Structure formats: structure tokens, C-alpha cells
Amino acid sequence: MAFNHYEKIKRILATEPEGWVIRRINTPTSAQNFKGELIHFTHYYRIYDTANNPIKYCKFQQIERLSQALSIPVEALPIVE
């Protein structure tokens, strides 16, 4: 079974109290896929706990993939500005 970062985030969030939020960070970033290709993104997302601290390992680029892993529509995710 291949490693899935979004499934790891799902497991982490299952241990967090309710009230965590997602923030879009408008800073360019890149990630390497399993084919070894470097993919560039114009922004990334980070999840914060109820005390406004970033949750370890909860930085990601593709909100649609998180939505799919959590089985929550993108529109229902707690994204804040």
C-alpha cells in the first residue's frame, strides 16, 4: 500500500478536538509525486487547531484531495481567510 499524505491528515484530525480550521497560504510551494516529478503550486493549505497553532503534518496543496479523504465537500470544509 502506498503512503497517502491525505489519509495521514485524516487520522491526525480524528484525534483533534472539533474546531480546527484550514488556512490558505498564498506562497508558492512544490511537492514531488511518486513518479519523481516536481509539481509546483501557487499556494498551499495548513490546518490549525483551536488554539490557532499549526497541526504537525497538516500542510498540503490540494484541497480537493483532502475533501475526498475526509468525505466532506470542499464547500463544507472550515476554510478561513
PDB file of N, CA and C in Angstrom:
ATOM      1  N   MET A   1       0.842  -1.182   0.000  1.00  0.00           N
ATOM      2  CA  MET A   1       0.000   0.000   0.000  1.00  0.00           C
ATOM      3  C   MET A   1       0.885   1.242   0.000  1.00  0.00           C
ATOM      4  N   ALA A   2       0.605   2.179  -0.871  1.00  0.00           N
ATOM      5  CA  ALA A   2       1.388   3.406  -0.989  1.00  0.00           C
ATOM      6  C   ALA A   2       1.026   4.374   0.138  1.00  0.00           C
ATOM      7  N   PHE A   3       1.981   5.195   0.503  1.00  0.00           N
ATOM      8  CA  PHE A   3       1.750   6.221   1.510  1.00  0.00           C
ATOM      9  C   PHE A   3       0.807   7.272   0.942  1.00  0.00           C
ATOM     10  N   ASN A   4      -0.159   7.697   1.725  1.00  0.00           N
ATOM     11  CA  ASN A   4      -1.107   8.733   1.309  1.00  0.00           C
ATOM     12  C   ASN A   4      -1.135   9.812   2.378  1.00  0.00           C
ATOM     13  N   HIS A   5      -0.565  10.960   2.036  1.00  0.00           N
ATOM     14  CA  HIS A   5      -0.479  12.061   2.990  1.00  0.00           C
ATOM     15  C   HIS A   5      -1.858  12.520   3.459  1.00  0.00           C
ATOM     16  N   TYR A   6      -2.836  12.490   2.574  1.00  0.00           N
ATOM     17  CA  TYR A   6      -4.177  12.958   2.925  1.00  0.00           C
ATOM     18  C   TYR A   6      -4.864  11.999   3.894  1.00  0.00           C
ATOM     19  N   GLU A   7      -4.594  10.728   3.779  1.00  0.00           N
ATOM     20  CA  GLU A   7      -5.123   9.761   4.748  1.00  0.00           C
ATOM     21  C   GLU A   7      -4.460   9.960   6.111  1.00  0.00           C
ATOM     22  N   LYS A   8      -3.177  10.318   6.096  1.00  0.00           N
ATOM     23  CA  LYS A   8      -2.476  10.614   7.358  1.00  0.00           C
ATOM     24  C   LYS A   8      -3.104  11.835   8.033  1.00  0.00           C
ATOM     25  N   ILE A   9      -3.410  12.851   7.248  1.00  0.00           N
ATOM     26  CA  ILE A   9      -4.068  14.040   7.798  1.00  0.00           C
ATOM     27  C   ILE A   9      -5.423  13.644   8.392  1.00  0.00           C
ATOM     28  N   LYS A  10      -6.150  12.784   7.700  1.00  0.00           N
ATOM     29  CA  LYS A  10      -7.445  12.324   8.204  1.00  0.00           C
ATOM     30  C   LYS A  10      -7.292  11.655   9.566  1.00  0.00           C
ATOM     31  N   ARG A  11      -6.280  10.807   9.724  1.00  0.00           N
ATOM     32  CA  ARG A  11      -6.046  10.131  11.009  1.00  0.00           C
ATOM     33  C   ARG A  11      -5.671  11.136  12.101  1.00  0.00           C
ATOM     34  N   ILE A  12      -4.864  12.126  11.745  1.00  0.00           N
ATOM     35  CA  ILE A  12      -4.476  13.153  12.715  1.00  0.00           C
ATOM     36  C   ILE A  12      -5.701  13.949  13.159  1.00  0.00           C
ATOM     37  N   LEU A  13      -6.532  14.358  12.203  1.00  0.00           N
ATOM     38  CA  LEU A  13      -7.710  15.165  12.537  1.00  0.00           C
ATOM     39  C   LEU A  13      -8.717  14.390  13.370  1.00  0.00           C
ATOM     40  N   ALA A  14      -8.723  13.076  13.237  1.00  0.00           N
ATOM     41  CA  ALA A  14      -9.629  12.252  14.048  1.00  0.00           C
ATOM     42  C   ALA A  14      -9.267  12.328  15.529  1.00  0.00           C
ATOM     43  N   THR A  15      -8.021  12.690  15.841  1.00  0.00           N
ATOM     44  CA  THR A  15      -7.586  12.794  17.235  1.00  0.00           C
ATOM     45  C   THR A  15      -7.682  14.227  17.773  1.00  0.00           C
ATOM     46  N   GLU A  16      -7.966  15.176  16.882  1.00  0.00           N
ATOM     47  CA  GLU A  16      -8.045  16.586  17.278  1.00  0.00           C
ATOM     48  C   GLU A  16      -9.457  16.931  17.746  1.00  0.00           C
ATOM     49  N   PRO A  17      -9.570  17.846  18.725  1.00  0.00           N
ATOM     50  CA  PRO A  17     -10.906  18.319  19.100  1.00  0.00           C
ATOM     51  C   PRO A  17     -11.534  19.098  17.943  1.00  0.00           C
ATOM     52  N   GLU A  18     -12.852  19.152  17.923  1.00  0.00           N
ATOM     53  CA  GLU A  18     -13.542  19.910  16.881  1.00  0.00           C
ATOM     54  C   GLU A  18     -13.159  21.377  16.985  1.00  0.00           C
ATOM     55  N   GLY A  19     -13.199  22.055  15.858  1.00  0.00           N
ATOM     56  CA  GLY A  19     -12.887  23.482  15.845  1.00  0.00           C
ATOM     57  C   GLY A  19     -11.636  23.814  15.055  1.00  0.00           C
ATOM     58  N   TRP A  20     -10.946  22.796  14.515  1.00  0.00           N
ATOM     59  CA  TRP A  20      -9.772  23.086  13.695  1.00  0.00           C
ATOM     60  C   TRP A  20     -10.226  23.811  12.425  1.00  0.00           C
ATOM     61  N   VAL A  21      -9.309  24.590  11.840  1.00  0.00           N
ATOM     62  CA  VAL A  21      -9.619  25.356  10.630  1.00  0.00           C
ATOM     63  C   VAL A  21      -8.493  25.194   9.610  1.00  0.00           C
ATOM     64  N   ILE A  22      -8.831  25.477   8.361  1.00  0.00           N
ATOM     65  CA  ILE A  22      -7.866  25.412   7.262  1.00  0.00           C
ATOM     66  C   ILE A  22      -7.606  26.830   6.784  1.00  0.00           C
ATOM     67  N   ARG A  23      -6.332  27.162   6.605  1.00  0.00           N
ATOM     68  CA  ARG A  23      -5.972  28.471   6.062  1.00  0.00           C
ATOM     69  C   ARG A  23      -5.213  28.278   4.755  1.00  0.00           C
ATOM     70  N   ARG A  24      -5.559  29.087   3.771  1.00  0.00           N
ATOM     71  CA  ARG A  24      -4.830  29.090   2.505  1.00  0.00           C
ATOM     72  C   ARG A  24      -3.655  30.045   2.650  1.00  0.00           C
ATOM     73  N   ILE A  25      -2.465  29.567   2.344  1.00  0.00           N
ATOM     74  CA  ILE A  25      -1.242  30.365   2.422  1.00  0.00           C
ATOM     75  C   ILE A  25      -0.828  30.681   0.984  1.00  0.00           C
ATOM     76  N   ASN A  26      -0.862  31.940   0.601  1.00  0.00           N
ATOM     77  CA  ASN A  26      -0.558  32.334  -0.776  1.00  0.00           C
ATOM     78  C   ASN A  26       0.943  32.511  -1.001  1.00  0.00           C
ATOM     79  N   THR A  27       1.664  31.428  -0.798  1.00  0.00           N
ATOM     80  CA  THR A  27       3.095  31.374  -1.025  1.00  0.00           C
ATOM     81  C   THR A  27       3.366  30.184  -1.942  1.00  0.00           C
ATOM     82  N   PRO A  28       4.145  30.363  -2.997  1.00  0.00           N
ATOM     83  CA  PRO A  28       4.435  29.234  -3.890  1.00  0.00           C
ATOM     84  C   PRO A  28       5.128  28.087  -3.152  1.00  0.00           C
ATOM     85  N   THR A  29       4.808  26.889  -3.570  1.00  0.00           N
ATOM     86  CA  THR A  29       5.398  25.693  -2.968  1.00  0.00           C
ATOM     87  C   THR A  29       5.493  24.619  -4.040  1.00  0.00           C
ATOM     88  N   SER A  30       6.189  23.550  -3.733  1.00  0.00           N
ATOM     89  CA  SER A  30       6.290  22.434  -4.671  1.00  0.00           C
ATOM     90  C   SER A  30       6.292  21.129  -3.894  1.00  0.00           C
ATOM     91  N   ALA A  31       5.943  20.059  -4.589  1.00  0.00           N
ATOM     92  CA  ALA A  31       5.924  18.734  -3.979  1.00  0.00           C
ATOM     93  C   ALA A  31       6.319  17.720  -5.041  1.00  0.00           C
ATOM     94  N   GLN A  32       6.991  16.685  -4.593  1.00  0.00           N
ATOM     95  CA  GLN A  32       7.398  15.627  -5.514  1.00  0.00           C
ATOM     96  C   GLN A  32       6.366  14.510  -5.468  1.00  0.00           C
ATOM     97  N   ASN A  33       5.901  14.077  -6.631  1.00  0.00           N
ATOM     98  CA  ASN A  33       4.944  12.982  -6.662  1.00  0.00           C
ATOM     99  C   ASN A  33       5.687  11.643  -6.693  1.00  0.00           C
ATOM    100  N   PHE A  34       4.936  10.545  -6.723  1.00  0.00           N
ATOM    101  CA  PHE A  34       5.558   9.224  -6.659  1.00  0.00           C
ATOM    102  C   PHE A  34       6.293   8.851  -7.930  1.00  0.00           C
ATOM    103  N   LYS A  35       6.097   9.612  -8.996  1.00  0.00           N
ATOM    104  CA  LYS A  35       6.837   9.388 -10.236  1.00  0.00           C
ATOM    105  C   LYS A  35       8.154  10.149 -10.228  1.00  0.00           C
ATOM    106  N   GLY A  36       8.388  10.901  -9.152  1.00  0.00           N
ATOM    107  CA  GLY A  36       9.615  11.684  -9.042  1.00  0.00           C
ATOM    108  C   GLY A  36       9.516  13.049  -9.698  1.00  0.00           C
ATOM    109  N   GLU A  37       8.334  13.415 -10.185  1.00  0.00           N
ATOM    110  CA  GLU A  37       8.142  14.706 -10.828  1.00  0.00           C
ATOM    111  C   GLU A  37       7.911  15.784  -9.773  1.00  0.00           C
ATOM    112  N   LEU A  38       8.495  16.942  -9.990  1.00  0.00           N
ATOM    113  CA  LEU A  38       8.302  18.062  -9.085  1.00  0.00           C
ATOM    114  C   LEU A  38       7.118  18.886  -9.585  1.00  0.00           C
ATOM    115  N   ILE A  39       6.077  18.981  -8.784  1.00  0.00           N
ATOM    116  CA  ILE A  39       4.866  19.711  -9.125  1.00  0.00           C
ATOM    117  C   ILE A  39       4.887  21.043  -8.374  1.00  0.00           C
ATOM    118  N   HIS A  40       4.613  22.126  -9.080  1.00  0.00           N
ATOM    119  CA  HIS A  40       4.618  23.461  -8.467  1.00  0.00           C
ATOM    120  C   HIS A  40       3.190  23.941  -8.247  1.00  0.00           C
ATOM    121  N   PHE A  41       2.992  24.603  -7.118  1.00  0.00           N
ATOM    122  CA  PHE A  41       1.688  25.151  -6.753  1.00  0.00           C
ATOM    123  C   PHE A  41       1.857  26.621  -6.395  1.00  0.00           C
ATOM    124  N   THR A  42       0.830  27.426  -6.647  1.00  0.00           N
ATOM    125  CA  THR A  42       0.887  28.859  -6.329  1.00  0.00           C
ATOM    126  C   THR A  42       0.588  29.134  -4.864  1.00  0.00           C
ATOM    127  N   HIS A  43       0.065  28.132  -4.153  1.00  0.00           N
ATOM    128  CA  HIS A  43      -0.327  28.298  -2.755  1.00  0.00           C
ATOM    129  C   HIS A  43      -0.345  26.924  -2.076  1.00  0.00           C
ATOM    130  N   TYR A  44      -0.536  26.923  -0.777  1.00  0.00           N
ATOM    131  CA  TYR A  44      -0.734  25.686  -0.030  1.00  0.00           C
ATOM    132  C   TYR A  44      -1.707  25.945   1.101  1.00  0.00           C
ATOM    133  N   TYR A  45      -2.107  24.896   1.762  1.00  0.00           N
ATOM    134  CA  TYR A  45      -3.040  24.991   2.888  1.00  0.00           C
ATOM    135  C   TYR A  45      -2.377  24.433   4.140  1.00  0.00           C
ATOM    136  N   ARG A  46      -2.768  24.968   5.283  1.00  0.00           N
ATOM    137  CA  ARG A  46      -2.290  24.472   6.568  1.00  0.00           C
ATOM    138  C   ARG A  46      -3.486  24.415   7.510  1.00  0.00           C
ATOM    139  N   ILE A  47      -3.508  23.370   8.344  1.00  0.00           N
ATOM    140  CA  ILE A  47      -4.601  23.208   9.298  1.00  0.00           C
ATOM    141  C   ILE A  47      -4.117  23.644  10.676  1.00  0.00           C
ATOM    142  N   TYR A  48      -4.969  24.424  11.344  1.00  0.00           N
ATOM    143  CA  TYR A  48      -4.657  24.959  12.667  1.00  0.00           C
ATOM    144  C   TYR A  48      -5.632  24.412  13.698  1.00  0.00           C
ATOM    145  N   ASP A  49      -5.144  24.208  14.918  1.00  0.00           N
ATOM    146  CA  ASP A  49      -6.009  23.717  15.994  1.00  0.00           C
ATOM    147  C   ASP A  49      -6.814  24.856  16.596  1.00  0.00           C
ATOM    148  N   THR A  50      -7.577  24.557  17.617  1.00  0.00           N
ATOM    149  CA  THR A  50      -8.462  25.557  18.230  1.00  0.00           C
ATOM    150  C   THR A  50      -7.691  26.688  18.913  1.00  0.00           C
ATOM    151  N   ALA A  51      -6.412  26.456  19.243  1.00  0.00           N
ATOM    152  CA  ALA A  51      -5.581  27.493  19.853  1.00  0.00           C
ATOM    153  C   ALA A  51      -4.804  28.281  18.794  1.00  0.00           C
ATOM    154  N   ASN A  52      -5.148  28.069  17.513  1.00  0.00           N
ATOM    155  CA  ASN A  52      -4.515  28.758  16.391  1.00  0.00           C
ATOM    156  C   ASN A  52      -3.061  28.336  16.170  1.00  0.00           C
ATOM    157  N   ASN A  53      -2.717  27.121  16.582  1.00  0.00           N
ATOM    158  CA  ASN A  53      -1.389  26.573  16.341  1.00  0.00           C
ATOM    159  C   ASN A  53      -1.449  25.615  15.160  1.00  0.00           C
ATOM    160  N   PRO A  54      -0.427  25.640  14.275  1.00  0.00           N
ATOM    161  CA  PRO A  54      -0.440  24.702  13.163  1.00  0.00           C
ATOM    162  C   PRO A  54      -0.339  23.264  13.673  1.00  0.00           C
ATOM    163  N   ILE A  55      -1.123  22.379  13.093  1.00  0.00           N
ATOM    164  CA  ILE A  55      -1.090  20.970  13.469  1.00  0.00           C
ATOM    165  C   ILE A  55       0.012  20.292  12.660  1.00  0.00           C
ATOM    166  N   LYS A  56       0.899  19.593  13.346  1.00  0.00           N
ATOM    167  CA  LYS A  56       2.032  18.936  12.708  1.00  0.00           C
ATOM    168  C   LYS A  56       1.565  17.985  11.610  1.00  0.00           C
ATOM    169  N   TYR A  57       2.247  18.021  10.472  1.00  0.00           N
ATOM    170  CA  TYR A  57       1.989  17.193   9.291  1.00  0.00           C
ATOM    171  C   TYR A  57       0.726  17.572   8.532  1.00  0.00           C
ATOM    172  N   CYS A  58       0.069  18.656   8.909  1.00  0.00           N
ATOM    173  CA  CYS A  58      -1.177  19.040   8.243  1.00  0.00           C
ATOM    174  C   CYS A  58      -0.972  20.232   7.310  1.00  0.00           C
ATOM    175  N   LYS A  59       0.028  20.123   6.458  1.00  0.00           N
ATOM    176  CA  LYS A  59       0.289  21.090   5.399  1.00  0.00           C
ATOM    177  C   LYS A  59       0.090  20.328   4.090  1.00  0.00           C
ATOM    178  N   PHE A  60      -0.651  20.924   3.158  1.00  0.00           N
ATOM    179  CA  PHE A  60      -0.948  20.220   1.914  1.00  0.00           C
ATOM    180  C   PHE A  60      -1.261  21.216   0.811  1.00  0.00           C
ATOM    181  N   GLN A  61      -1.332  20.738  -0.433  1.00  0.00           N
ATOM    182  CA  GLN A  61      -1.540  21.616  -1.570  1.00  0.00           C
ATOM    183  C   GLN A  61      -2.913  21.468  -2.237  1.00  0.00           C
ATOM    184  N   GLN A  62      -3.526  20.317  -2.146  1.00  0.00           N
ATOM    185  CA  GLN A  62      -4.720  20.048  -2.949  1.00  0.00           C
ATOM    186  C   GLN A  62      -5.961  19.866  -2.068  1.00  0.00           C
ATOM    187  N   ILE A  63      -6.754  20.916  -1.962  1.00  0.00           N
ATOM    188  CA  ILE A  63      -7.938  20.902  -1.095  1.00  0.00           C
ATOM    189  C   ILE A  63      -8.941  19.835  -1.541  1.00  0.00           C
ATOM    190  N   GLU A  64      -9.012  19.562  -2.841  1.00  0.00           N
ATOM    191  CA  GLU A  64      -9.942  18.545  -3.344  1.00  0.00           C
ATOM    192  C   GLU A  64      -9.573  17.156  -2.830  1.00  0.00           C
ATOM    193  N   ARG A  65      -8.285  16.877  -2.727  1.00  0.00           N
ATOM    194  CA  ARG A  65      -7.855  15.568  -2.229  1.00  0.00           C
ATOM    195  C   ARG A  65      -8.138  15.425  -0.741  1.00  0.00           C
ATOM    196  N   LEU A  66      -7.997  16.506   0.026  1.00  0.00           N
ATOM    197  CA  LEU A  66      -8.362  16.450   1.443  1.00  0.00           C
ATOM    198  C   LEU A  66      -9.861  16.236   1.580  1.00  0.00           C
ATOM    199  N   SER A  67     -10.628  16.946   0.789  1.00  0.00           N
ATOM    200  CA  SER A  67     -12.076  16.802   0.801  1.00  0.00           C
ATOM    201  C   SER A  67     -12.473  15.358   0.542  1.00  0.00           C
ATOM    202  N   GLN A  68     -11.850  14.742  -0.425  1.00  0.00           N
ATOM    203  CA  GLN A  68     -12.140  13.349  -0.758  1.00  0.00           C
ATOM    204  C   GLN A  68     -11.760  12.419   0.389  1.00  0.00           C
ATOM    205  N   ALA A  69     -10.600  12.627   0.993  1.00  0.00           N
ATOM    206  CA  ALA A  69     -10.142  11.771   2.099  1.00  0.00           C
ATOM    207  C   ALA A  69     -11.072  11.883   3.305  1.00  0.00           C
ATOM    208  N   LEU A  70     -11.570  13.089   3.565  1.00  0.00           N
ATOM    209  CA  LEU A  70     -12.441  13.306   4.723  1.00  0.00           C
ATOM    210  C   LEU A  70     -13.912  13.025   4.424  1.00  0.00           C
ATOM    211  N   SER A  71     -14.232  12.794   3.154  1.00  0.00           N
ATOM    212  CA  SER A  71     -15.624  12.601   2.711  1.00  0.00           C
ATOM    213  C   SER A  71     -16.498  13.800   3.083  1.00  0.00           C
ATOM    214  N   ILE A  72     -15.933  14.978   2.880  1.00  0.00           N
ATOM    215  CA  ILE A  72     -16.628  16.243   3.150  1.00  0.00           C
ATOM    216  C   ILE A  72     -16.510  17.097   1.889  1.00  0.00           C
ATOM    217  N   PRO A  73     -17.609  17.670   1.403  1.00  0.00           N
ATOM    218  CA  PRO A  73     -17.495  18.560   0.226  1.00  0.00           C
ATOM    219  C   PRO A  73     -16.563  19.736   0.521  1.00  0.00           C
ATOM    220  N   VAL A  74     -15.841  20.181  -0.494  1.00  0.00           N
ATOM    221  CA  VAL A  74     -14.921  21.308  -0.326  1.00  0.00           C
ATOM    222  C   VAL A  74     -15.642  22.492   0.306  1.00  0.00           C
ATOM    223  N   GLU A  75     -16.880  22.746  -0.143  1.00  0.00           N
ATOM    224  CA  GLU A  75     -17.634  23.903   0.346  1.00  0.00           C
ATOM    225  C   GLU A  75     -17.933  23.808   1.841  1.00  0.00           C
ATOM    226  N   ALA A  76     -17.916  22.605   2.394  1.00  0.00           N
ATOM    227  CA  ALA A  76     -18.234  22.404   3.814  1.00  0.00           C
ATOM    228  C   ALA A  76     -16.988  22.400   4.704  1.00  0.00           C
ATOM    229  N   LEU A  77     -15.802  22.408   4.107  1.00  0.00           N
ATOM    230  CA  LEU A  77     -14.568  22.428   4.906  1.00  0.00           C
ATOM    231  C   LEU A  77     -14.427  23.786   5.601  1.00  0.00           C
ATOM    232  N   PRO A  78     -13.879  23.795   6.823  1.00  0.00           N
ATOM    233  CA  PRO A  78     -13.748  25.067   7.568  1.00  0.00           C
ATOM    234  C   PRO A  78     -12.537  25.885   7.108  1.00  0.00           C
ATOM    235  N   ILE A  79     -12.651  26.470   5.908  1.00  0.00           N
ATOM    236  CA  ILE A  79     -11.570  27.286   5.353  1.00  0.00           C
ATOM    237  C   ILE A  79     -11.802  28.726   5.782  1.00  0.00           C
ATOM    238  N   VAL A  80     -10.788  29.330   6.404  1.00  0.00           N
ATOM    239  CA  VAL A  80     -10.875  30.726   6.860  1.00  0.00           C
ATOM    240  C   VAL A  80      -9.788  31.547   6.174  1.00  0.00           C
ATOM    241  N   GLU A  81     -10.035  32.823   6.112  1.00  0.00           N
ATOM    242  CA  GLU A  81      -9.053  33.738   5.484  1.00  0.00           C
ATOM    243  C   GLU A  81      -8.142  34.309   6.540  1.00  0.00           C
TER     244      GLU A  81
END
